[in-house]
């Protein structure tokens, strides 16, 4: 395993540029390290999503087609 020793300050854009230079395998390792953290979704957010899903289920005609909407963005 190749190691990198850094002792510099980076802003987010500089960090992103450094990551872009990594191999696909190393990028996946970083991605896994970021997204494998336990993330707790607040109950309020869960309730909001469930409420929206229920509204969509009851009234599917109120939903917009993404392909049509995205053309107007």
C-alpha atoms as a PDB file:
ATOM      1  CA  UNK A   1       0.000   0.000   0.000  1.00  0.00           C
ATOM      2  CA  UNK A   2       1.304   3.383  -1.003  1.00  0.00           C
ATOM      3  CA  UNK A   3       1.269   5.984   1.742  1.00  0.00           C
ATOM      4  CA  UNK A   4       1.058   9.732   1.413  1.00  0.00           C
ATOM      5  CA  UNK A   5       2.330  12.043   4.090  1.00  0.00           C
ATOM      6  CA  UNK A   6       0.886  15.537   3.951  1.00  0.00           C
ATOM      7  CA  UNK A   7       1.516  18.438   6.254  1.00  0.00           C
ATOM      8  CA  UNK A   8      -0.291  21.192   4.381  1.00  0.00           C
ATOM      9  CA  UNK A   9      -3.519  23.106   4.650  1.00  0.00           C
ATOM     10  CA  UNK A  10      -5.988  22.448   1.847  1.00  0.00           C
ATOM     11  CA  UNK A  11      -9.302  24.041   1.054  1.00  0.00           C
ATOM     12  CA  UNK A  12     -12.072  21.808  -0.255  1.00  0.00           C
ATOM     13  CA  UNK A  13     -11.374  22.601  -3.908  1.00  0.00           C
ATOM     14  CA  UNK A  14      -7.696  21.777  -3.489  1.00  0.00           C
ATOM     15  CA  UNK A  15      -8.596  18.516  -1.774  1.00  0.00           C
ATOM     16  CA  UNK A  16     -10.961  17.631  -4.615  1.00  0.00           C
ATOM     17  CA  UNK A  17      -8.211  18.302  -7.156  1.00  0.00           C
ATOM     18  CA  UNK A  18      -5.860  16.030  -5.205  1.00  0.00           C
ATOM     19  CA  UNK A  19      -8.465  13.258  -5.079  1.00  0.00           C
ATOM     20  CA  UNK A  20      -9.033  13.549  -8.847  1.00  0.00           C
ATOM     21  CA  UNK A  21      -5.384  12.542  -9.309  1.00  0.00           C
ATOM     22  CA  UNK A  22      -5.841   9.246  -7.459  1.00  0.00           C
ATOM     23  CA  UNK A  23      -6.381   5.914  -9.141  1.00  0.00           C
ATOM     24  CA  UNK A  24      -9.967   4.682  -9.459  1.00  0.00           C
ATOM     25  CA  UNK A  25      -9.204   2.046  -6.807  1.00  0.00           C
ATOM     26  CA  UNK A  26      -8.021   4.673  -4.314  1.00  0.00           C
ATOM     27  CA  UNK A  27     -11.001   6.919  -5.114  1.00  0.00           C
ATOM     28  CA  UNK A  28     -13.298   4.014  -4.243  1.00  0.00           C
ATOM     29  CA  UNK A  29     -11.469   3.537  -0.942  1.00  0.00           C
ATOM     30  CA  UNK A  30     -12.087   7.194  -0.089  1.00  0.00           C
ATOM     31  CA  UNK A  31     -15.715   6.907  -1.128  1.00  0.00           C
ATOM     32  CA  UNK A  32     -16.174   3.835   1.058  1.00  0.00           C
ATOM     33  CA  UNK A  33     -14.522   5.542   4.007  1.00  0.00           C
ATOM     34  CA  UNK A  34     -16.863   8.528   3.697  1.00  0.00           C
ATOM     35  CA  UNK A  35     -20.130   6.655   3.116  1.00  0.00           C
ATOM     36  CA  UNK A  36     -19.608   3.699   5.436  1.00  0.00           C
ATOM     37  CA  UNK A  37     -20.014   5.930   8.448  1.00  0.00           C
ATOM     38  CA  UNK A  38     -23.084   5.357  10.548  1.00  0.00           C
ATOM     39  CA  UNK A  39     -25.405   8.202   9.676  1.00  0.00           C
ATOM     40  CA  UNK A  40     -28.444   8.683  11.843  1.00  0.00           C
ATOM     41  CA  UNK A  41     -31.390  10.214  10.030  1.00  0.00           C
ATOM     42  CA  UNK A  42     -33.409  12.410  12.398  1.00  0.00           C
ATOM     43  CA  UNK A  43     -36.925  11.118  13.070  1.00  0.00           C
ATOM     44  CA  UNK A  44     -38.374  14.413  11.798  1.00  0.00           C
ATOM     45  CA  UNK A  45     -36.747  13.821   8.402  1.00  0.00           C
ATOM     46  CA  UNK A  46     -37.962  10.240   8.309  1.00  0.00           C
ATOM     47  CA  UNK A  47     -41.525  11.377   9.033  1.00  0.00           C
ATOM     48  CA  UNK A  48     -41.338  14.027   6.322  1.00  0.00           C
ATOM     49  CA  UNK A  49     -40.189  11.526   3.703  1.00  0.00           C
ATOM     50  CA  UNK A  50     -42.818   8.982   4.703  1.00  0.00           C
ATOM     51  CA  UNK A  51     -45.487  11.681   4.536  1.00  0.00           C
ATOM     52  CA  UNK A  52     -44.405  12.672   1.018  1.00  0.00           C
ATOM     53  CA  UNK A  53     -44.333   9.045  -0.126  1.00  0.00           C
ATOM     54  CA  UNK A  54     -47.846   8.556   1.210  1.00  0.00           C
ATOM     55  CA  UNK A  55     -49.106  11.705  -0.561  1.00  0.00           C
ATOM     56  CA  UNK A  56     -47.560  10.500  -3.822  1.00  0.00           C
ATOM     57  CA  UNK A  57     -49.112   7.069  -3.385  1.00  0.00           C
ATOM     58  CA  UNK A  58     -52.572   8.547  -2.770  1.00  0.00           C
ATOM     59  CA  UNK A  59     -52.361  11.117  -5.571  1.00  0.00           C
ATOM     60  CA  UNK A  60     -49.920   9.959  -8.261  1.00  0.00           C
ATOM     61  CA  UNK A  61     -51.345  12.501 -10.717  1.00  0.00           C
ATOM     62  CA  UNK A  62     -49.785  15.311  -8.668  1.00  0.00           C
ATOM     63  CA  UNK A  63     -46.295  14.040  -9.484  1.00  0.00           C
ATOM     64  CA  UNK A  64     -44.267  15.647 -12.264  1.00  0.00           C
ATOM     65  CA  UNK A  65     -42.323  13.791 -14.909  1.00  0.00           C
ATOM     66  CA  UNK A  66     -38.606  14.305 -14.254  1.00  0.00           C
ATOM     67  CA  UNK A  67     -37.650  14.303 -17.932  1.00  0.00           C
ATOM     68  CA  UNK A  68     -40.071  17.171 -18.601  1.00  0.00           C
ATOM     69  CA  UNK A  69     -39.121  19.109 -15.466  1.00  0.00           C
ATOM     70  CA  UNK A  70     -35.374  18.754 -16.007  1.00  0.00           C
ATOM     71  CA  UNK A  71     -35.652  20.345 -19.453  1.00  0.00           C
ATOM     72  CA  UNK A  72     -36.874  23.559 -17.814  1.00  0.00           C
ATOM     73  CA  UNK A  73     -34.008  23.816 -15.347  1.00  0.00           C
END
